[in-house]
N, C-alpha and C. Protein backbone atom coordinates (compact mmCIF):
# COMPACT_ATOMS: atom_id res chain seq x y z
N MET A 1 7.63 -15.05 -6.53
CA MET A 1 7.52 -13.36 -6.87
C MET A 1 8.75 -12.72 -6.25
N LYS A 2 9.33 -11.82 -6.52
CA LYS A 2 10.07 -10.78 -6.07
C LYS A 2 9.03 -9.62 -5.54
N LEU A 3 8.99 -9.04 -4.40
CA LEU A 3 8.46 -7.93 -3.74
C LEU A 3 9.31 -6.61 -3.47
N ILE A 4 9.01 -5.64 -4.30
CA ILE A 4 9.92 -4.33 -3.93
C ILE A 4 9.21 -3.03 -3.94
N TYR A 5 9.46 -2.37 -2.85
CA TYR A 5 8.84 -0.87 -2.32
C TYR A 5 9.50 0.04 -3.28
N SER A 6 8.46 0.71 -3.90
CA SER A 6 9.09 1.83 -4.35
C SER A 6 9.61 3.20 -3.42
N PRO A 7 10.55 3.96 -3.47
CA PRO A 7 10.90 4.77 -2.46
C PRO A 7 9.82 5.68 -2.09
N GLN A 8 8.71 6.06 -2.53
CA GLN A 8 7.42 6.50 -2.42
C GLN A 8 6.78 5.83 -1.31
N ALA A 9 6.64 4.37 -1.77
CA ALA A 9 5.91 3.72 -0.83
C ALA A 9 6.74 3.49 0.36
N ARG A 10 7.88 3.69 0.34
CA ARG A 10 8.99 3.76 1.68
C ARG A 10 8.40 4.73 2.51
N VAL A 11 8.39 5.76 2.03
CA VAL A 11 8.21 7.31 2.62
C VAL A 11 7.05 6.93 3.10
N ASP A 12 5.86 6.67 2.40
CA ASP A 12 4.20 6.50 2.76
C ASP A 12 4.37 5.48 3.87
N LEU A 13 5.09 4.48 3.75
CA LEU A 13 4.86 3.71 5.28
C LEU A 13 5.92 4.24 6.34
N ARG A 14 6.88 4.93 6.34
CA ARG A 14 7.63 5.94 7.44
C ARG A 14 6.50 6.74 8.19
N GLU A 15 6.02 7.61 7.22
CA GLU A 15 4.70 8.62 7.35
C GLU A 15 4.01 8.23 8.26
N ILE A 16 3.29 7.04 8.02
CA ILE A 16 2.13 6.66 8.60
C ILE A 16 2.72 5.84 9.93
N LYS A 17 3.63 5.48 10.55
CA LYS A 17 4.28 4.84 11.26
C LYS A 17 4.63 6.30 12.04
N ALA A 18 4.99 7.36 11.70
CA ALA A 18 5.39 8.54 12.28
C ALA A 18 4.06 9.15 13.09
N TYR A 19 3.19 9.18 12.20
CA TYR A 19 1.99 9.79 12.42
C TYR A 19 1.24 9.10 13.69
N ILE A 20 1.25 7.96 13.45
CA ILE A 20 0.80 7.08 15.02
C ILE A 20 1.39 7.42 15.79
N ARG A 21 2.87 7.33 15.81
CA ARG A 21 3.51 7.33 17.19
C ARG A 21 3.84 8.64 17.65
N ASP A 22 3.66 9.70 16.84
CA ASP A 22 3.96 11.12 17.28
C ASP A 22 2.51 11.66 17.21
N ASN A 23 1.62 11.74 16.64
CA ASN A 23 0.56 12.67 16.69
C ASN A 23 -0.54 11.65 17.69
N LEU A 24 -0.28 10.62 17.43
CA LEU A 24 -1.57 9.64 18.10
C LEU A 24 -0.97 9.24 19.54
N GLN A 25 0.56 9.74 19.53
CA GLN A 25 1.23 9.10 20.91
C GLN A 25 1.05 7.63 21.07
N ASN A 26 1.12 6.69 20.03
CA ASN A 26 0.91 5.36 20.26
C ASN A 26 1.99 4.49 19.65
N PRO A 27 2.94 4.44 20.21
CA PRO A 27 4.46 3.76 19.30
C PRO A 27 4.14 2.24 19.32
N THR A 28 3.55 1.80 20.07
CA THR A 28 2.94 0.17 20.10
C THR A 28 2.21 0.12 18.59
N ALA A 29 1.13 0.99 18.58
CA ALA A 29 0.05 0.75 17.48
C ALA A 29 1.01 0.98 16.42
N ALA A 30 1.84 2.11 16.40
CA ALA A 30 2.64 2.54 15.05
C ALA A 30 3.23 1.13 14.61
N GLU A 31 4.27 0.63 15.58
CA GLU A 31 4.74 -0.79 14.93
C GLU A 31 3.75 -1.80 14.50
N ASN A 32 2.64 -1.86 15.18
CA ASN A 32 1.94 -3.15 14.74
C ASN A 32 0.88 -2.78 13.36
N VAL A 33 0.77 -1.40 13.12
CA VAL A 33 0.33 -1.25 11.87
C VAL A 33 0.98 -1.48 10.89
N THR A 34 2.50 -1.01 11.01
CA THR A 34 3.55 -0.81 9.88
C THR A 34 3.58 -2.29 9.53
N GLN A 35 3.78 -3.34 10.57
CA GLN A 35 3.98 -4.52 10.62
C GLN A 35 2.99 -5.18 9.96
N LYS A 36 1.60 -4.96 9.87
CA LYS A 36 0.51 -5.65 9.44
C LYS A 36 0.53 -5.20 7.99
N ILE A 37 0.84 -3.84 7.93
CA ILE A 37 1.11 -3.25 6.42
C ILE A 37 2.11 -4.46 5.42
N LEU A 38 3.48 -4.46 6.30
CA LEU A 38 4.16 -5.54 5.71
C LEU A 38 4.07 -6.73 5.37
N LYS A 39 3.30 -7.33 6.37
CA LYS A 39 3.01 -8.79 6.26
C LYS A 39 1.81 -8.99 5.16
N SER A 40 1.13 -8.26 5.00
CA SER A 40 -0.07 -8.23 4.34
C SER A 40 0.38 -8.00 2.88
N CYS A 41 1.07 -7.20 2.50
CA CYS A 41 1.84 -7.06 1.21
C CYS A 41 2.81 -8.46 0.88
N SER A 42 3.47 -8.78 2.13
CA SER A 42 4.37 -10.17 1.68
C SER A 42 3.38 -11.06 1.05
N LEU A 43 2.04 -11.40 1.40
CA LEU A 43 1.04 -12.44 0.95
C LEU A 43 0.99 -12.02 -0.52
N LEU A 44 1.33 -10.93 -1.12
CA LEU A 44 1.36 -10.84 -2.53
C LEU A 44 2.47 -11.75 -3.49
N LYS A 45 3.38 -11.92 -2.65
CA LYS A 45 4.66 -12.81 -3.31
C LYS A 45 4.02 -14.04 -3.59
N GLU A 46 3.11 -14.59 -3.00
CA GLU A 46 2.42 -16.09 -3.17
C GLU A 46 1.32 -15.65 -4.00
N ASN A 47 0.86 -15.10 -4.14
CA ASN A 47 -0.46 -14.65 -4.85
C ASN A 47 -0.70 -13.28 -5.19
N PRO A 48 -0.20 -13.02 -6.16
CA PRO A 48 0.11 -11.53 -6.73
C PRO A 48 -1.36 -10.90 -7.17
N LEU A 49 -2.25 -11.77 -7.46
CA LEU A 49 -3.68 -11.37 -7.74
C LEU A 49 -4.53 -11.09 -6.92
N LEU A 50 -3.99 -11.07 -5.60
CA LEU A 50 -4.81 -11.12 -4.15
C LEU A 50 -5.74 -9.94 -4.19
N GLY A 51 -5.00 -8.59 -4.86
CA GLY A 51 -5.75 -7.28 -4.67
C GLY A 51 -6.27 -7.18 -5.94
N ALA A 52 -7.52 -6.34 -5.90
CA ALA A 52 -8.32 -6.12 -6.84
C ALA A 52 -7.86 -4.99 -7.90
N GLU A 53 -8.20 -5.20 -9.04
CA GLU A 53 -7.65 -4.37 -10.11
C GLU A 53 -8.69 -3.00 -9.91
N LEU A 54 -7.49 -1.92 -10.09
CA LEU A 54 -7.86 -0.34 -9.84
C LEU A 54 -8.72 0.02 -10.99
N SER A 55 -8.73 -0.55 -12.06
CA SER A 55 -9.26 -0.15 -13.43
C SER A 55 -10.73 -0.33 -12.96
N GLY A 56 -11.24 -1.24 -12.19
CA GLY A 56 -12.83 -1.58 -12.36
C GLY A 56 -13.24 -0.64 -11.41
N LYS A 57 -12.21 0.49 -10.78
CA LYS A 57 -12.71 1.44 -9.86
C LYS A 57 -12.59 2.59 -10.32
N VAL A 58 -12.42 3.01 -11.36
CA VAL A 58 -11.93 4.26 -11.95
C VAL A 58 -12.17 4.37 -13.45
N ASP A 59 -12.42 5.57 -13.94
CA ASP A 59 -12.73 5.50 -15.31
C ASP A 59 -11.43 5.75 -16.11
N ARG A 60 -10.19 5.17 -15.87
CA ARG A 60 -9.00 5.49 -16.90
C ARG A 60 -8.70 3.85 -16.83
N GLU A 61 -7.73 3.79 -17.52
CA GLU A 61 -6.86 2.53 -17.82
C GLU A 61 -5.51 2.67 -16.82
N THR A 62 -5.45 1.57 -16.41
CA THR A 62 -4.32 1.36 -15.49
C THR A 62 -3.93 -0.06 -15.29
N ASP A 63 -2.91 -0.20 -15.08
CA ASP A 63 -2.43 -1.75 -14.51
C ASP A 63 -2.12 -1.74 -12.97
N LEU A 64 -2.37 -0.60 -12.25
CA LEU A 64 -2.59 -1.05 -10.82
C LEU A 64 -3.37 -1.74 -10.11
N ARG A 65 -3.17 -2.36 -9.15
CA ARG A 65 -4.03 -3.19 -8.39
C ARG A 65 -3.98 -2.62 -7.20
N TYR A 66 -5.08 -2.81 -6.14
CA TYR A 66 -5.08 -2.52 -4.54
C TYR A 66 -5.18 -3.35 -3.87
N LEU A 67 -4.27 -3.44 -2.69
CA LEU A 67 -4.92 -4.42 -1.56
C LEU A 67 -5.49 -3.50 -0.19
N ILE A 68 -6.49 -3.64 0.53
CA ILE A 68 -6.94 -2.94 1.37
C ILE A 68 -6.61 -4.05 2.82
N ILE A 69 -5.78 -3.14 3.64
CA ILE A 69 -5.34 -3.49 4.55
C ILE A 69 -5.78 -2.37 5.83
N ASN A 70 -6.95 -3.04 6.43
CA ASN A 70 -7.36 -2.29 7.58
C ASN A 70 -7.76 -0.93 6.75
N GLN A 71 -7.57 0.33 7.64
CA GLN A 71 -7.38 1.37 7.23
C GLN A 71 -6.70 1.94 5.99
N HIS A 72 -5.72 1.01 5.67
CA HIS A 72 -4.77 1.82 4.77
C HIS A 72 -4.61 0.82 3.48
N ILE A 73 -4.44 1.24 2.19
CA ILE A 73 -4.55 0.69 1.02
C ILE A 73 -3.27 0.81 0.02
N ALA A 74 -2.62 -0.35 -0.35
CA ALA A 74 -1.34 -0.82 -1.02
C ALA A 74 -1.69 -0.86 -2.53
N PHE A 75 -1.56 0.21 -3.10
CA PHE A 75 -1.17 0.25 -4.75
C PHE A 75 0.28 -0.43 -5.23
N TYR A 76 -0.06 -1.62 -6.20
CA TYR A 76 0.96 -2.22 -6.56
C TYR A 76 0.48 -2.70 -8.03
N LYS A 77 1.95 -2.82 -8.58
CA LYS A 77 1.89 -3.46 -9.99
C LYS A 77 2.47 -4.73 -9.98
N VAL A 78 2.14 -5.97 -11.06
CA VAL A 78 2.62 -6.94 -11.03
C VAL A 78 3.13 -7.07 -12.69
N ASP A 79 4.54 -6.94 -12.54
CA ASP A 79 5.35 -6.92 -13.74
C ASP A 79 6.30 -8.46 -13.65
N ASP A 80 5.94 -9.42 -14.91
CA ASP A 80 6.69 -10.68 -14.87
C ASP A 80 6.67 -11.28 -13.62
N SER A 81 7.90 -11.22 -13.14
CA SER A 81 7.99 -11.92 -11.72
C SER A 81 8.40 -10.87 -10.32
N VAL A 82 8.10 -9.69 -10.46
CA VAL A 82 8.38 -9.02 -9.78
C VAL A 82 6.97 -7.81 -9.63
N ILE A 83 6.75 -7.78 -8.10
CA ILE A 83 5.49 -7.25 -7.69
C ILE A 83 6.20 -5.70 -7.23
N ARG A 84 5.57 -4.88 -7.42
CA ARG A 84 6.17 -3.23 -7.19
C ARG A 84 4.85 -2.80 -6.49
N VAL A 85 5.13 -2.53 -5.12
CA VAL A 85 4.14 -1.57 -3.90
C VAL A 85 4.82 -0.28 -4.53
N ILE A 86 3.91 0.69 -4.89
CA ILE A 86 3.83 1.97 -5.57
C ILE A 86 3.80 2.99 -4.64
N ARG A 87 2.58 2.77 -3.89
CA ARG A 87 2.18 3.76 -2.84
C ARG A 87 1.19 3.04 -1.77
N ILE A 88 1.45 3.56 -0.53
CA ILE A 88 0.57 2.95 0.54
C ILE A 88 -0.33 4.44 1.09
N ARG A 89 -1.53 4.38 1.07
CA ARG A 89 -2.20 5.32 1.82
C ARG A 89 -3.36 5.50 2.42
N ASP A 90 -3.74 6.13 3.36
CA ASP A 90 -4.82 5.92 4.15
C ASP A 90 -5.79 5.81 3.56
N ALA A 91 -6.66 5.01 3.65
CA ALA A 91 -8.32 5.04 2.98
C ALA A 91 -9.43 5.79 3.04
N ARG A 92 -8.97 6.67 4.01
CA ARG A 92 -9.83 7.88 4.16
C ARG A 92 -9.59 9.26 3.73
N THR A 93 -8.41 9.16 2.81
CA THR A 93 -7.96 10.33 2.32
C THR A 93 -8.39 10.33 0.71
N ASN A 94 -8.09 11.27 -0.11
CA ASN A 94 -8.05 11.43 -1.34
C ASN A 94 -7.32 10.61 -2.14
N TYR A 95 -6.87 9.42 -1.81
CA TYR A 95 -6.09 8.64 -2.47
C TYR A 95 -5.93 8.53 -4.22
N MET A 96 -6.88 8.72 -4.63
CA MET A 96 -7.01 8.71 -5.85
C MET A 96 -6.28 9.81 -6.64
N HIS A 97 -6.66 11.15 -6.00
CA HIS A 97 -5.93 12.12 -6.62
C HIS A 97 -4.44 12.10 -6.39
N ILE A 98 -3.76 11.48 -5.22
CA ILE A 98 -2.28 11.20 -5.23
C ILE A 98 -2.03 10.34 -6.18
N ILE A 99 -2.68 9.22 -6.15
CA ILE A 99 -2.43 8.19 -7.04
C ILE A 99 -2.12 8.68 -9.03
N PHE A 100 -3.16 9.28 -9.23
CA PHE A 100 -2.98 9.81 -10.71
C PHE A 100 -2.51 10.86 -10.77
N LYS A 101 -1.51 11.55 -9.86
CA LYS A 101 -1.28 12.87 -9.87
C LYS A 101 0.00 13.07 -10.79
């Protein structure tokens, strides 16, 4: 299957990396975290149902799935032969508000 990152997911990834690098003053960790996220998401190409259905966690219909990657969550959709990563958020934030905005 093909894996595609939405423009917003790309922004999310850049912001995660910049926050760790600049605010936490740890460029090595910034690179490690972003690589871990990318590597984990790439596992979806072989197993698109690896993440859980988000509809089981919220009181609304959605075809989104989510994959927990340490302190981050990747939200994605599976459409035919394409996996679309929609957002990548810090699990400690109010990510549901952002996802369903």
